[in-house]
Amino acid sequence: MTDNFFDFLRSIPFFEELSDDEIISISRYCTSTLIEPGQILFNEGDPADKFYIIMSGEVEVWKAFGTDDEDMLAIHGNGKLFGEMALIDNLPRSATVKTKTHTRLLQIGEHDFQNMIRENSSVAFSIVRSLSSMVRKSNETFLEDLKERNMELEKANSDLKTAHEDLIKQERLSNLGKFSSMILHDLRNPISTVKAYTELLLMDSAVPGKTRKYISNIKFETERINNLASELLDYSRGDIRLEMNIVDIDDFLSKLETSVQRRFSSSSIEIQFKNNFNDHAVFDFERMLRVMMNLAENARKALAGKGLFTITTEKINNSLQFRVNDTGEGMSPDIQKHIFEPFYSSSRGGGTGLGMVIVKNIVEAHEGALEISSSPGKGTEIRIDLPLR
């Protein structure tokens, strides 16, 4: 039998530096046993009594086996040695080992193991080298695990900080929304009254031309205030309630052009409207008008009194596309990253910082798509695609 042990021991890398005589010496201490699957070889905390070498089969190494915190540390197969550490440091077993399959083991008792080490320094050196390698690998694994856990903690801390900031931001916006909603409802009543009186004055043919112009300007600015109040109300409610209509694009662009020209009247900005869409579309007329006016207002600020502003419409696949272009100062990538954040404004001309938020919300409420292309010094193009219904 020791001849069979010799051949097996000779094939194990752990003993590769030992001479044949030393292998024969070790084989004399070995006995063989066959263990059924699922059998416990020793439990964590047991006193050490044997050293094992797996000839065939597999064993499982468990920590806290049989408890809620049990954790399988490893599976050992052919040629693996285990159980030597407790024999060397004379401490209880540090883990539980059980057979996973039918397993044939070579085993050396505690007394024979101590004699084998005392008699053969090469074997002792091999065991020390094996233990050193095990400790080194354990340290590396521990450091890698520690590094990974630190990274997870850093990410968790960063996520927690972001979530906390978002929570504070949402709470502030919620309070602002409730407060704004109450004020704006009250504000719209006098605005509607002013608008109604201007319309009555404009119906009076006796009003002189110059006065009529002033009244018309008051009506226009009143409508702007009303639109701003509507934007704030939409934002404070958190949703957009659409009123879908069949829209003639020529009529839509005509009203839009009148409003844009009036808003741009004090500048040298050239305005061009190009309608390449010869059909009707279905969308919320007033809200899409607000979208275009918000974009026009942004373009007016970017153009700083001179340049070209263009709105083009055409059919692209199954969508109505609006292209809004200006030759103004353009936007940096950093500004574009924040452009849809509430109350963010990079314009020197001021504003609520809600214009692009409202644009995005209205387009998405129409199930449309919004794209922006812009470069500093080269102007901006905004494309809005609304599905044709």
Protein backbone atom coordinates (compact mmCIF):
# COMPACT_ATOMS: atom_id res chain seq x y z
CA MET A 1 0.00 0.00 0.00
CA THR A 2 2.86 2.38 0.78
CA ASP A 3 4.00 1.96 -2.87
CA ASN A 4 0.63 3.35 -3.99
CA PHE A 5 0.99 6.17 -1.45
CA PHE A 6 4.47 6.88 -2.80
CA ASP A 7 3.25 7.29 -6.38
CA PHE A 8 0.46 9.60 -5.23
CA LEU A 9 2.64 11.67 -2.90
CA ARG A 10 5.31 11.98 -5.58
CA SER A 11 2.71 13.58 -7.91
CA ILE A 12 1.72 16.32 -5.41
CA PRO A 13 3.43 19.72 -6.03
CA PHE A 14 3.70 20.24 -2.26
CA PHE A 15 6.27 17.42 -2.06
CA GLU A 16 8.03 18.03 -5.39
CA GLU A 17 11.30 19.19 -3.79
CA LEU A 18 11.56 16.14 -1.53
CA SER A 19 13.72 13.12 -2.41
CA ASP A 20 12.27 9.70 -3.04
CA ASP A 21 13.58 8.50 0.32
CA GLU A 22 11.81 11.38 2.04
CA ILE A 23 8.57 10.58 0.21
CA ILE A 24 8.89 6.93 1.26
CA SER A 25 9.44 8.09 4.85
CA ILE A 26 6.23 10.16 4.74
CA SER A 27 4.22 7.36 3.12
CA ARG A 28 4.98 5.10 6.09
CA TYR A 29 3.01 7.43 8.37
CA CYS A 30 -0.05 7.51 6.06
CA THR A 31 -3.26 5.56 6.31
CA SER A 32 -6.11 5.63 3.79
CA THR A 33 -9.83 5.95 4.39
CA LEU A 34 -12.93 6.37 2.17
CA ILE A 35 -15.58 8.82 3.44
CA GLU A 36 -19.22 9.07 2.29
CA PRO A 37 -20.60 12.42 0.98
CA GLY A 38 -21.87 14.89 3.61
CA GLN A 39 -19.72 13.57 6.46
CA ILE A 40 -18.07 16.00 8.91
CA LEU A 41 -14.31 15.38 9.15
CA PHE A 42 -13.96 17.89 11.97
CA ASN A 43 -15.86 20.86 13.36
CA GLU A 44 -14.69 24.38 13.97
CA GLY A 45 -13.33 24.49 17.53
CA ASP A 46 -12.46 20.77 17.68
CA PRO A 47 -9.00 19.81 18.96
CA ALA A 48 -6.55 18.94 16.16
CA ASP A 49 -5.80 15.21 15.79
CA LYS A 50 -5.04 14.54 12.10
CA PHE A 51 -3.41 15.92 8.97
CA TYR A 52 -5.19 15.14 5.67
CA ILE A 53 -4.33 14.81 1.97
CA ILE A 54 -7.14 14.32 -0.60
CA MET A 55 -6.50 11.40 -2.94
CA SER A 56 -9.83 11.70 -4.77
CA GLY A 57 -13.13 13.54 -4.34
CA GLU A 58 -13.86 16.96 -2.83
CA VAL A 59 -14.34 18.52 0.62
CA GLU A 60 -16.00 21.80 1.65
CA VAL A 61 -14.50 24.24 4.15
CA TRP A 62 -17.09 26.15 6.21
CA LYS A 63 -16.98 28.99 8.70
CA ALA A 64 -19.76 29.15 11.36
CA PHE A 65 -21.25 25.97 9.84
CA GLY A 66 -24.82 25.25 10.89
CA THR A 67 -25.58 28.83 11.97
CA ASP A 68 -27.39 31.72 10.28
CA ASP A 69 -23.99 33.24 9.48
CA GLU A 70 -22.46 30.14 7.88
CA ASP A 71 -20.15 30.82 4.97
CA MET A 72 -18.43 28.31 2.66
CA LEU A 73 -14.82 29.41 2.32
CA ALA A 74 -13.50 26.90 -0.21
CA ILE A 75 -13.81 23.55 -1.96
CA HIS A 76 -10.65 21.39 -1.99
CA GLY A 77 -9.96 18.62 -4.52
CA ASN A 78 -7.32 16.07 -5.45
CA GLY A 79 -3.86 16.63 -3.96
CA LYS A 80 -4.97 19.33 -1.52
CA LEU A 81 -3.54 19.23 2.02
CA PHE A 82 -5.51 20.51 5.01
CA GLY A 83 -5.57 20.32 8.77
CA GLU A 84 -1.84 20.97 9.31
CA MET A 85 -2.12 24.47 10.80
CA ALA A 86 -3.97 23.42 13.95
CA LEU A 87 -1.40 20.63 14.50
CA ILE A 88 1.45 23.14 14.25
CA ASP A 89 0.05 25.97 16.42
CA ASN A 90 -1.69 23.50 18.78
CA LEU A 91 -4.94 25.48 18.63
CA PRO A 92 -8.53 24.33 17.93
CA ARG A 93 -9.72 23.87 14.36
CA SER A 94 -10.47 27.23 12.68
CA ALA A 95 -13.15 25.86 10.33
CA THR A 96 -15.48 22.93 9.70
CA VAL A 97 -14.63 20.48 6.91
CA LYS A 98 -17.20 18.09 5.38
CA THR A 99 -17.07 15.81 2.35
CA LYS A 100 -18.85 17.00 -0.78
CA THR A 101 -18.49 13.71 -2.69
CA HIS A 102 -17.18 10.23 -2.01
CA THR A 103 -13.70 11.16 -0.84
CA ARG A 104 -10.57 9.06 -0.33
CA LEU A 105 -8.16 10.61 2.14
CA LEU A 106 -4.65 9.99 3.29
CA GLN A 107 -4.37 10.88 6.96
CA ILE A 108 -1.53 11.19 9.42
CA GLY A 109 -2.23 11.26 13.16
CA GLU A 110 -1.03 14.07 15.40
CA HIS A 111 1.80 12.04 17.01
CA ASP A 112 3.07 10.70 13.68
CA PHE A 113 2.84 14.20 12.14
CA GLN A 114 5.05 15.65 14.90
CA ASN A 115 7.59 12.80 14.48
CA MET A 116 7.60 13.29 10.69
CA ILE A 117 8.47 16.97 11.07
CA ARG A 118 11.15 16.34 13.68
CA GLU A 119 12.77 13.59 11.60
CA ASN A 120 12.62 15.34 8.24
CA SER A 121 13.60 19.01 8.03
CA SER A 122 12.70 19.12 4.31
CA VAL A 123 9.10 18.21 5.11
CA ALA A 124 9.06 20.84 7.86
CA PHE A 125 10.40 23.42 5.41
CA SER A 126 7.74 22.49 2.80
CA ILE A 127 5.00 22.92 5.40
CA VAL A 128 6.43 26.28 6.51
CA ARG A 129 6.58 27.40 2.87
CA SER A 130 2.99 26.25 2.34
CA LEU A 131 1.82 28.12 5.43
CA SER A 132 3.73 31.24 4.34
CA SER A 133 2.06 31.07 0.93
CA MET A 134 -1.32 30.61 2.60
CA VAL A 135 -0.79 33.61 4.88
CA ARG A 136 0.45 35.75 1.97
CA LYS A 137 -2.56 34.81 -0.14
CA SER A 138 -4.87 35.43 2.82
CA ASN A 139 -3.33 38.89 3.32
CA GLU A 140 -3.72 39.73 -0.37
CA THR A 141 -7.32 38.55 -0.32
CA PHE A 142 -7.98 40.56 2.83
CA LEU A 143 -6.44 43.71 1.33
CA GLU A 144 -8.37 43.29 -1.91
CA ASP A 145 -11.57 42.74 0.06
CA LEU A 146 -10.80 45.77 2.24
CA LYS A 147 -10.12 47.88 -0.85
CA GLU A 148 -13.37 46.73 -2.47
CA ARG A 149 -15.35 47.42 0.71
CA ASN A 150 -13.78 50.88 0.98
CA MET A 151 -14.79 51.62 -2.60
CA GLU A 152 -18.33 50.39 -1.86
CA LEU A 153 -18.46 52.57 1.26
CA GLU A 154 -17.22 55.60 -0.69
CA LYS A 155 -19.85 55.00 -3.36
CA ALA A 156 -22.56 54.46 -0.73
CA ASN A 157 -21.49 57.66 1.02
CA SER A 158 -21.54 59.57 -2.27
CA ASP A 159 -24.98 58.14 -3.16
CA LEU A 160 -26.27 59.01 0.31
CA LYS A 161 -24.96 62.56 0.01
CA THR A 162 -26.57 62.95 -3.43
CA ALA A 163 -29.86 61.49 -2.18
CA HIS A 164 -29.78 63.84 0.82
CA GLU A 165 -29.16 66.85 -1.42
CA ASP A 166 -31.94 65.74 -3.78
CA LEU A 167 -34.31 65.27 -0.84
CA ILE A 168 -33.59 68.77 0.47
CA LYS A 169 -33.95 70.17 -3.04
CA GLN A 170 -37.26 68.37 -3.61
CA GLU A 171 -38.57 69.55 -0.25
CA ARG A 172 -37.66 73.14 -1.06
CA LEU A 173 -39.23 72.88 -4.51
CA SER A 174 -42.36 71.30 -3.03
CA ASN A 175 -42.74 74.13 -0.53
CA LEU A 176 -42.01 76.67 -3.26
CA GLY A 177 -44.59 75.00 -5.51
CA LYS A 178 -47.30 75.13 -2.87
CA PHE A 179 -46.49 78.75 -2.05
CA SER A 180 -46.29 79.77 -5.72
CA SER A 181 -49.53 78.04 -6.58
CA MET A 182 -51.49 80.03 -3.98
CA ILE A 183 -49.94 83.35 -5.04
CA LEU A 184 -50.27 82.75 -8.78
CA HIS A 185 -53.95 81.86 -8.58
CA ASP A 186 -54.55 85.21 -6.89
CA LEU A 187 -52.20 87.00 -9.30
CA ARG A 188 -53.98 85.81 -12.43
CA ASN A 189 -57.25 87.49 -11.45
CA PRO A 190 -55.94 91.10 -11.71
CA ILE A 191 -53.94 90.12 -14.80
CA SER A 192 -57.14 88.92 -16.48
CA THR A 193 -58.87 92.16 -15.47
CA VAL A 194 -56.10 94.31 -17.01
CA LYS A 195 -56.17 92.22 -20.18
CA ALA A 196 -59.96 92.54 -20.46
CA TYR A 197 -59.83 96.35 -20.11
CA THR A 198 -57.10 96.63 -22.77
CA GLU A 199 -59.23 94.58 -25.14
CA LEU A 200 -62.22 96.86 -24.47
CA LEU A 201 -60.10 99.98 -25.08
CA LEU A 202 -58.80 98.53 -28.36
CA MET A 203 -62.40 97.97 -29.48
CA ASP A 204 -63.10 101.71 -29.04
CA SER A 205 -62.54 103.38 -32.39
CA ALA A 206 -62.22 106.79 -30.70
CA VAL A 207 -58.90 105.84 -29.10
CA PRO A 208 -56.07 107.72 -30.91
CA GLY A 209 -53.45 105.74 -32.85
CA LYS A 210 -50.55 106.48 -30.53
CA THR A 211 -52.61 105.60 -27.45
CA ARG A 212 -53.84 102.46 -29.20
CA LYS A 213 -50.20 101.42 -29.68
CA TYR A 214 -49.52 101.89 -25.97
CA ILE A 215 -52.63 99.88 -25.07
CA SER A 216 -51.59 97.16 -27.48
CA ASN A 217 -48.16 96.98 -25.80
CA ILE A 218 -49.84 96.76 -22.38
CA LYS A 219 -51.99 93.90 -23.65
CA PHE A 220 -48.93 92.10 -25.05
CA GLU A 221 -46.94 92.44 -21.81
CA THR A 222 -50.01 91.38 -19.81
CA GLU A 223 -50.18 88.22 -21.91
CA ARG A 224 -46.49 87.61 -21.20
CA ILE A 225 -47.10 87.92 -17.46
CA ASN A 226 -50.07 85.58 -17.77
CA ASN A 227 -47.95 83.04 -19.69
CA LEU A 228 -45.23 83.28 -17.04
CA ALA A 229 -47.82 82.65 -14.33
CA SER A 230 -49.11 79.66 -16.31
CA GLU A 231 -45.56 78.26 -16.56
CA LEU A 232 -45.04 78.57 -12.83
CA LEU A 233 -48.40 76.93 -12.16
CA ASP A 234 -47.58 74.05 -14.51
CA TYR A 235 -44.25 73.58 -12.77
CA SER A 236 -45.70 73.80 -9.26
CA ARG A 237 -48.35 71.19 -10.14
CA GLY A 238 -45.67 68.90 -11.57
CA ASP A 239 -47.69 67.96 -14.66
CA ILE A 240 -48.80 69.41 -18.01
CA ARG A 241 -52.49 69.24 -18.86
CA LEU A 242 -52.73 69.33 -22.64
CA GLU A 243 -55.65 70.62 -24.69
CA MET A 244 -55.09 68.92 -28.05
CA ASN A 245 -56.38 70.66 -31.18
CA ILE A 246 -56.17 70.27 -34.94
CA VAL A 247 -53.72 73.02 -35.84
CA ASP A 248 -53.09 74.71 -39.18
CA ILE A 249 -49.32 75.27 -39.19
CA ASP A 250 -49.57 78.45 -41.26
CA ASP A 251 -51.91 79.96 -38.66
CA PHE A 252 -49.67 78.81 -35.83
CA LEU A 253 -46.53 80.29 -37.40
CA SER A 254 -48.35 83.50 -38.26
CA LYS A 255 -49.33 84.11 -34.64
CA LEU A 256 -45.88 83.06 -33.48
CA GLU A 257 -44.16 85.40 -35.92
CA THR A 258 -46.29 88.35 -34.78
CA SER A 259 -45.36 87.68 -31.15
CA VAL A 260 -41.66 87.19 -31.95
CA GLN A 261 -41.45 90.36 -34.05
CA ARG A 262 -43.02 92.39 -31.27
CA ARG A 263 -40.58 90.89 -28.73
CA PHE A 264 -37.60 91.54 -31.04
CA SER A 265 -38.77 95.01 -32.18
CA SER A 266 -36.10 96.93 -30.27
CA SER A 267 -33.22 94.95 -31.80
CA SER A 268 -31.56 94.46 -35.20
CA ILE A 269 -32.18 90.71 -35.21
CA GLU A 270 -33.28 89.30 -38.58
CA ILE A 271 -36.25 86.91 -38.28
CA GLN A 272 -37.03 84.15 -40.78
CA PHE A 273 -39.91 81.65 -40.69
CA LYS A 274 -39.91 78.74 -43.16
CA ASN A 275 -42.92 76.40 -43.33
CA ASN A 276 -42.21 73.21 -45.31
CA PHE A 277 -45.08 71.33 -43.69
CA ASN A 278 -48.19 71.52 -45.84
CA ASP A 279 -50.69 69.77 -43.60
CA HIS A 280 -52.50 69.97 -40.29
CA ALA A 281 -51.11 68.61 -37.04
CA VAL A 282 -52.56 67.80 -33.61
CA PHE A 283 -51.05 69.46 -30.54
CA ASP A 284 -51.81 71.95 -27.77
CA PHE A 285 -51.73 75.28 -29.64
CA GLU A 286 -51.16 77.58 -26.65
CA ARG A 287 -48.54 75.43 -24.97
CA MET A 288 -46.52 74.88 -28.14
CA LEU A 289 -46.74 78.63 -28.73
CA ARG A 290 -45.27 79.06 -25.26
CA VAL A 291 -42.50 76.57 -26.13
CA MET A 292 -41.56 78.57 -29.23
CA MET A 293 -41.70 81.89 -27.38
CA ASN A 294 -39.45 80.53 -24.62
CA LEU A 295 -36.94 79.40 -27.25
CA ALA A 296 -37.24 82.74 -29.04
CA GLU A 297 -36.61 84.59 -25.77
CA ASN A 298 -33.48 82.51 -25.13
CA ALA A 299 -32.31 83.23 -28.68
CA ARG A 300 -32.95 86.96 -28.24
CA LYS A 301 -30.68 87.02 -25.19
CA ALA A 302 -28.01 84.94 -26.96
CA LEU A 303 -28.05 87.20 -30.04
CA ALA A 304 -27.51 90.36 -27.95
CA GLY A 305 -29.39 92.60 -30.38
CA LYS A 306 -28.02 91.37 -33.73
CA GLY A 307 -27.85 88.23 -35.85
CA LEU A 308 -30.28 85.77 -37.42
CA PHE A 309 -33.17 83.90 -35.80
CA THR A 310 -34.92 81.17 -37.82
CA ILE A 311 -37.80 78.76 -37.23
CA THR A 312 -38.32 76.00 -39.80
CA THR A 313 -41.05 73.34 -39.91
CA GLU A 314 -41.11 70.17 -42.01
CA LYS A 315 -42.24 66.56 -41.96
CA ILE A 316 -39.53 64.11 -40.85
CA ASN A 317 -40.69 60.49 -41.08
CA ASN A 318 -43.88 60.41 -38.96
CA SER A 319 -43.15 63.59 -37.04
CA LEU A 320 -43.64 67.32 -37.34
CA GLN A 321 -40.23 68.87 -36.73
CA PHE A 322 -39.62 72.41 -35.50
CA ARG A 323 -36.05 73.63 -35.96
CA VAL A 324 -35.17 76.76 -34.02
CA ASN A 325 -31.82 78.32 -34.97
CA ASP A 326 -29.91 81.37 -33.85
CA THR A 327 -26.45 82.72 -34.67
CA GLY A 328 -25.84 83.87 -31.10
CA GLU A 329 -23.14 83.15 -28.54
CA GLY A 330 -23.93 79.44 -28.24
CA MET A 331 -23.60 77.25 -25.16
CA SER A 332 -20.66 75.38 -23.67
CA PRO A 333 -21.00 71.65 -22.85
CA ASP A 334 -21.12 72.54 -19.15
CA ILE A 335 -24.09 74.88 -19.64
CA GLN A 336 -25.86 72.25 -21.77
CA LYS A 337 -25.50 69.74 -18.91
CA HIS A 338 -27.51 72.03 -16.60
CA ILE A 339 -29.93 73.59 -19.08
CA PHE A 340 -32.93 71.50 -17.95
CA GLU A 341 -32.33 72.01 -14.23
CA PRO A 342 -35.04 74.09 -12.50
CA PHE A 343 -34.05 77.71 -11.77
CA TYR A 344 -30.75 77.38 -13.64
CA SER A 345 -29.94 80.36 -15.87
CA SER A 346 -26.65 81.27 -17.56
CA SER A 347 -28.04 84.33 -19.31
CA ARG A 348 -26.85 87.79 -18.37
CA GLY A 349 -30.36 88.94 -19.31
CA GLY A 350 -31.88 87.21 -16.30
CA GLY A 351 -34.92 84.97 -16.20
CA THR A 352 -36.68 82.49 -13.93
CA GLY A 353 -34.57 79.52 -15.01
CA LEU A 354 -37.77 77.60 -15.80
CA GLY A 355 -38.02 78.33 -19.52
CA MET A 356 -36.22 75.21 -20.78
CA VAL A 357 -37.74 73.05 -18.03
CA ILE A 358 -41.20 74.02 -19.27
CA VAL A 359 -40.13 73.45 -22.91
CA LYS A 360 -38.94 69.94 -22.07
CA ASN A 361 -42.04 69.11 -20.01
CA ILE A 362 -44.44 70.29 -22.73
CA VAL A 363 -42.61 68.41 -25.49
CA GLU A 364 -42.52 65.22 -23.39
CA ALA A 365 -46.23 65.64 -22.55
CA HIS A 366 -46.81 65.54 -26.34
CA GLU A 367 -44.69 62.33 -26.43
CA GLY A 368 -42.22 64.28 -28.55
CA ALA A 369 -38.43 64.46 -28.64
CA LEU A 370 -36.08 67.39 -28.01
CA GLU A 371 -32.46 67.73 -29.18
CA ILE A 372 -29.99 70.58 -28.77
CA SER A 373 -26.86 71.31 -30.80
CA SER A 374 -24.76 74.25 -29.69
CA SER A 375 -21.17 75.47 -29.65
CA PRO A 376 -19.70 78.65 -28.15
CA GLY A 377 -19.50 81.35 -30.82
CA LYS A 378 -21.42 79.26 -33.40
CA GLY A 379 -25.00 79.59 -32.24
CA THR A 380 -27.63 77.05 -31.27
CA GLU A 381 -30.07 74.72 -33.03
CA ILE A 382 -32.98 73.13 -31.17
CA ARG A 383 -35.00 70.37 -32.84
CA ILE A 384 -38.44 69.38 -31.59
CA ASP A 385 -40.19 66.35 -33.10
CA LEU A 386 -43.91 65.91 -32.40
CA PRO A 387 -45.57 62.65 -33.48
CA LEU A 388 -48.16 63.07 -36.19
CA ARG A 389 -51.55 61.84 -35.02
